[in-house]
Amino acid sequence: MLLANENIEILDSLLLSAVSMGIIMAILFLIMMMIYLMSWAYRQFRKKQEEKAKKPVTAEAPAPAATAPAVPEAVAPGSCGELKLVKTSEADAAMIMAIVADNLHEDLNTLRFKEIRLIGSDEDASEK
């Protein structure tokens, strides 16, 4: 260890300076690589999020006509099939669907609801 009152030669001071600068450059290089890796991971994450947002909803292949289920006459354009309401009004169901779409940050027509059921009523407790 060097003391404050110890004299060192020029070659020793140059060697000590070179080693110190090398250590500093190595640390700066490691910090630069960490920043690069974090930005690369963030770009990949954003790319996947953008692809997911741009991905169109693909329609399922139609089943053969002989085994196709009956389609209701009044299906709204852009809808994904039937919705079964159990002890729920249409207004309540619409509110629930809007809240779910808002919380998921998705468009309502990209979600598929199969059934909306009222739970917690006295009749449901007696059925179980």
Protein backbone atom coordinates (compact mmCIF):
# COMPACT_ATOMS: atom_id res chain seq x y z
CA MET A 1 0.00 0.00 0.00
CA LEU A 2 1.24 3.44 -0.78
CA LEU A 3 1.66 5.93 1.99
CA ALA A 4 1.25 9.67 1.55
CA ASN A 5 4.90 10.40 2.33
CA GLU A 6 6.31 7.52 0.28
CA ASN A 7 8.13 8.39 -2.94
CA ILE A 8 7.53 6.21 -5.98
CA GLU A 9 9.32 6.13 -9.27
CA ILE A 10 7.86 7.36 -12.52
CA LEU A 11 7.50 3.86 -13.99
CA ASP A 12 5.63 2.68 -10.88
CA SER A 13 3.30 5.68 -11.05
CA LEU A 14 2.64 5.07 -14.76
CA LEU A 15 1.89 1.40 -14.09
CA LEU A 16 -0.42 2.32 -11.21
CA SER A 17 -2.20 4.88 -13.41
CA ALA A 18 -2.61 2.37 -16.25
CA VAL A 19 -4.05 -0.28 -13.93
CA SER A 20 -6.44 2.24 -12.35
CA MET A 21 -7.64 3.46 -15.76
CA GLY A 22 -8.07 -0.14 -16.90
CA ILE A 23 -10.26 -0.92 -13.89
CA ILE A 24 -12.34 2.20 -14.49
CA MET A 25 -12.77 1.38 -18.20
CA ALA A 26 -13.78 -2.20 -17.36
CA ILE A 27 -16.43 -0.97 -14.92
CA LEU A 28 -17.73 1.57 -17.47
CA PHE A 29 -17.87 -1.20 -20.10
CA LEU A 30 -19.90 -3.42 -17.74
CA ILE A 31 -22.32 -0.56 -17.05
CA MET A 32 -22.64 0.08 -20.80
CA MET A 33 -23.41 -3.61 -21.44
CA MET A 34 -26.04 -3.65 -18.68
CA ILE A 35 -27.74 -0.61 -20.24
CA TYR A 36 -27.57 -2.18 -23.70
CA LEU A 37 -29.10 -5.47 -22.49
CA MET A 38 -31.87 -3.67 -20.62
CA SER A 39 -32.73 -1.56 -23.68
CA TRP A 40 -32.68 -4.68 -25.90
CA ALA A 41 -35.07 -6.47 -23.54
CA TYR A 42 -37.35 -3.43 -23.45
CA ARG A 43 -37.39 -3.21 -27.27
CA GLN A 44 -38.28 -6.91 -27.52
CA PHE A 45 -41.08 -6.46 -24.97
CA ARG A 46 -42.47 -3.43 -26.84
CA LYS A 47 -42.25 -5.28 -30.17
CA LYS A 48 -44.29 -8.18 -28.78
CA GLN A 49 -46.84 -5.78 -27.31
CA GLU A 50 -47.19 -3.97 -30.66
CA GLU A 51 -47.52 -7.25 -32.56
CA LYS A 52 -50.20 -8.37 -30.13
CA ALA A 53 -52.07 -5.08 -30.59
CA LYS A 54 -51.82 -5.23 -34.40
CA LYS A 55 -52.65 -8.93 -34.66
CA PRO A 56 -56.05 -9.30 -36.34
CA VAL A 57 -58.63 -11.56 -34.82
CA THR A 58 -58.62 -14.66 -36.99
CA ALA A 59 -61.92 -16.30 -37.69
CA GLU A 60 -62.16 -19.98 -36.90
CA ALA A 61 -62.62 -22.33 -39.82
CA PRO A 62 -66.31 -22.99 -40.38
CA ALA A 63 -67.55 -26.40 -39.39
CA PRO A 64 -69.29 -28.61 -41.95
CA ALA A 65 -72.87 -27.59 -42.63
CA ALA A 66 -74.33 -30.87 -41.32
CA THR A 67 -72.80 -30.44 -37.85
CA ALA A 68 -72.94 -26.64 -37.62
CA PRO A 69 -74.83 -25.33 -34.59
CA ALA A 70 -77.81 -23.12 -35.22
CA VAL A 71 -76.78 -19.48 -35.59
CA PRO A 72 -79.18 -16.96 -34.08
CA GLU A 73 -80.90 -14.71 -36.58
CA ALA A 74 -79.85 -11.45 -34.91
CA VAL A 75 -76.07 -11.67 -34.45
CA ALA A 76 -74.49 -8.25 -34.25
CA PRO A 77 -71.73 -7.45 -36.76
CA GLY A 78 -68.30 -8.05 -35.23
CA SER A 79 -69.66 -10.25 -32.44
CA CYS A 80 -68.05 -13.56 -31.52
CA GLY A 81 -71.10 -15.74 -31.02
CA GLU A 82 -73.85 -16.09 -28.49
CA LEU A 83 -73.93 -14.80 -24.93
CA LYS A 84 -75.96 -16.64 -22.32
CA LEU A 85 -77.44 -14.43 -19.59
CA VAL A 86 -78.40 -16.20 -16.38
CA LYS A 87 -80.47 -14.08 -13.97
CA THR A 88 -78.86 -10.93 -15.40
CA SER A 89 -80.42 -8.06 -17.32
CA GLU A 90 -79.01 -6.94 -20.65
CA ALA A 91 -78.08 -3.55 -19.19
CA ASP A 92 -76.08 -5.19 -16.37
CA ALA A 93 -74.39 -7.53 -18.85
CA ALA A 94 -73.43 -4.60 -21.08
CA MET A 95 -71.98 -2.75 -18.09
CA ILE A 96 -69.97 -5.83 -17.01
CA MET A 97 -68.59 -6.33 -20.51
CA ALA A 98 -67.61 -2.66 -20.78
CA ILE A 99 -65.83 -2.76 -17.40
CA VAL A 100 -63.92 -5.94 -18.31
CA ALA A 101 -62.85 -4.50 -21.69
CA ASP A 102 -61.72 -1.26 -20.02
CA ASN A 103 -59.70 -3.07 -17.33
CA LEU A 104 -58.03 -5.28 -19.95
CA HIS A 105 -57.38 -2.28 -22.25
CA GLU A 106 -58.91 -4.21 -25.15
CA ASP A 107 -61.64 -3.42 -27.63
CA LEU A 108 -64.97 -4.95 -26.72
CA ASN A 109 -65.31 -6.70 -30.08
CA THR A 110 -62.01 -8.58 -29.51
CA LEU A 111 -63.35 -10.26 -26.37
CA ARG A 112 -65.65 -13.26 -26.27
CA PHE A 113 -68.13 -13.65 -23.45
CA LYS A 114 -69.88 -17.01 -23.24
CA GLU A 115 -72.00 -16.56 -20.13
CA ILE A 116 -72.75 -13.88 -17.57
CA ARG A 117 -74.34 -15.22 -14.42
CA LEU A 118 -75.64 -13.48 -11.32
CA ILE A 119 -73.99 -15.04 -8.28
CA GLY A 120 -74.54 -14.51 -4.60
CA SER A 121 -78.34 -14.45 -4.71
CA ASP A 122 -80.50 -16.48 -2.33
CA GLU A 123 -81.68 -18.77 -5.12
CA ASP A 124 -78.10 -19.71 -6.09
CA ALA A 125 -77.32 -20.64 -2.47
CA SER A 126 -80.35 -22.95 -2.30
CA GLU A 127 -79.41 -24.67 -5.60
CA LYS A 128 -76.00 -25.72 -4.30
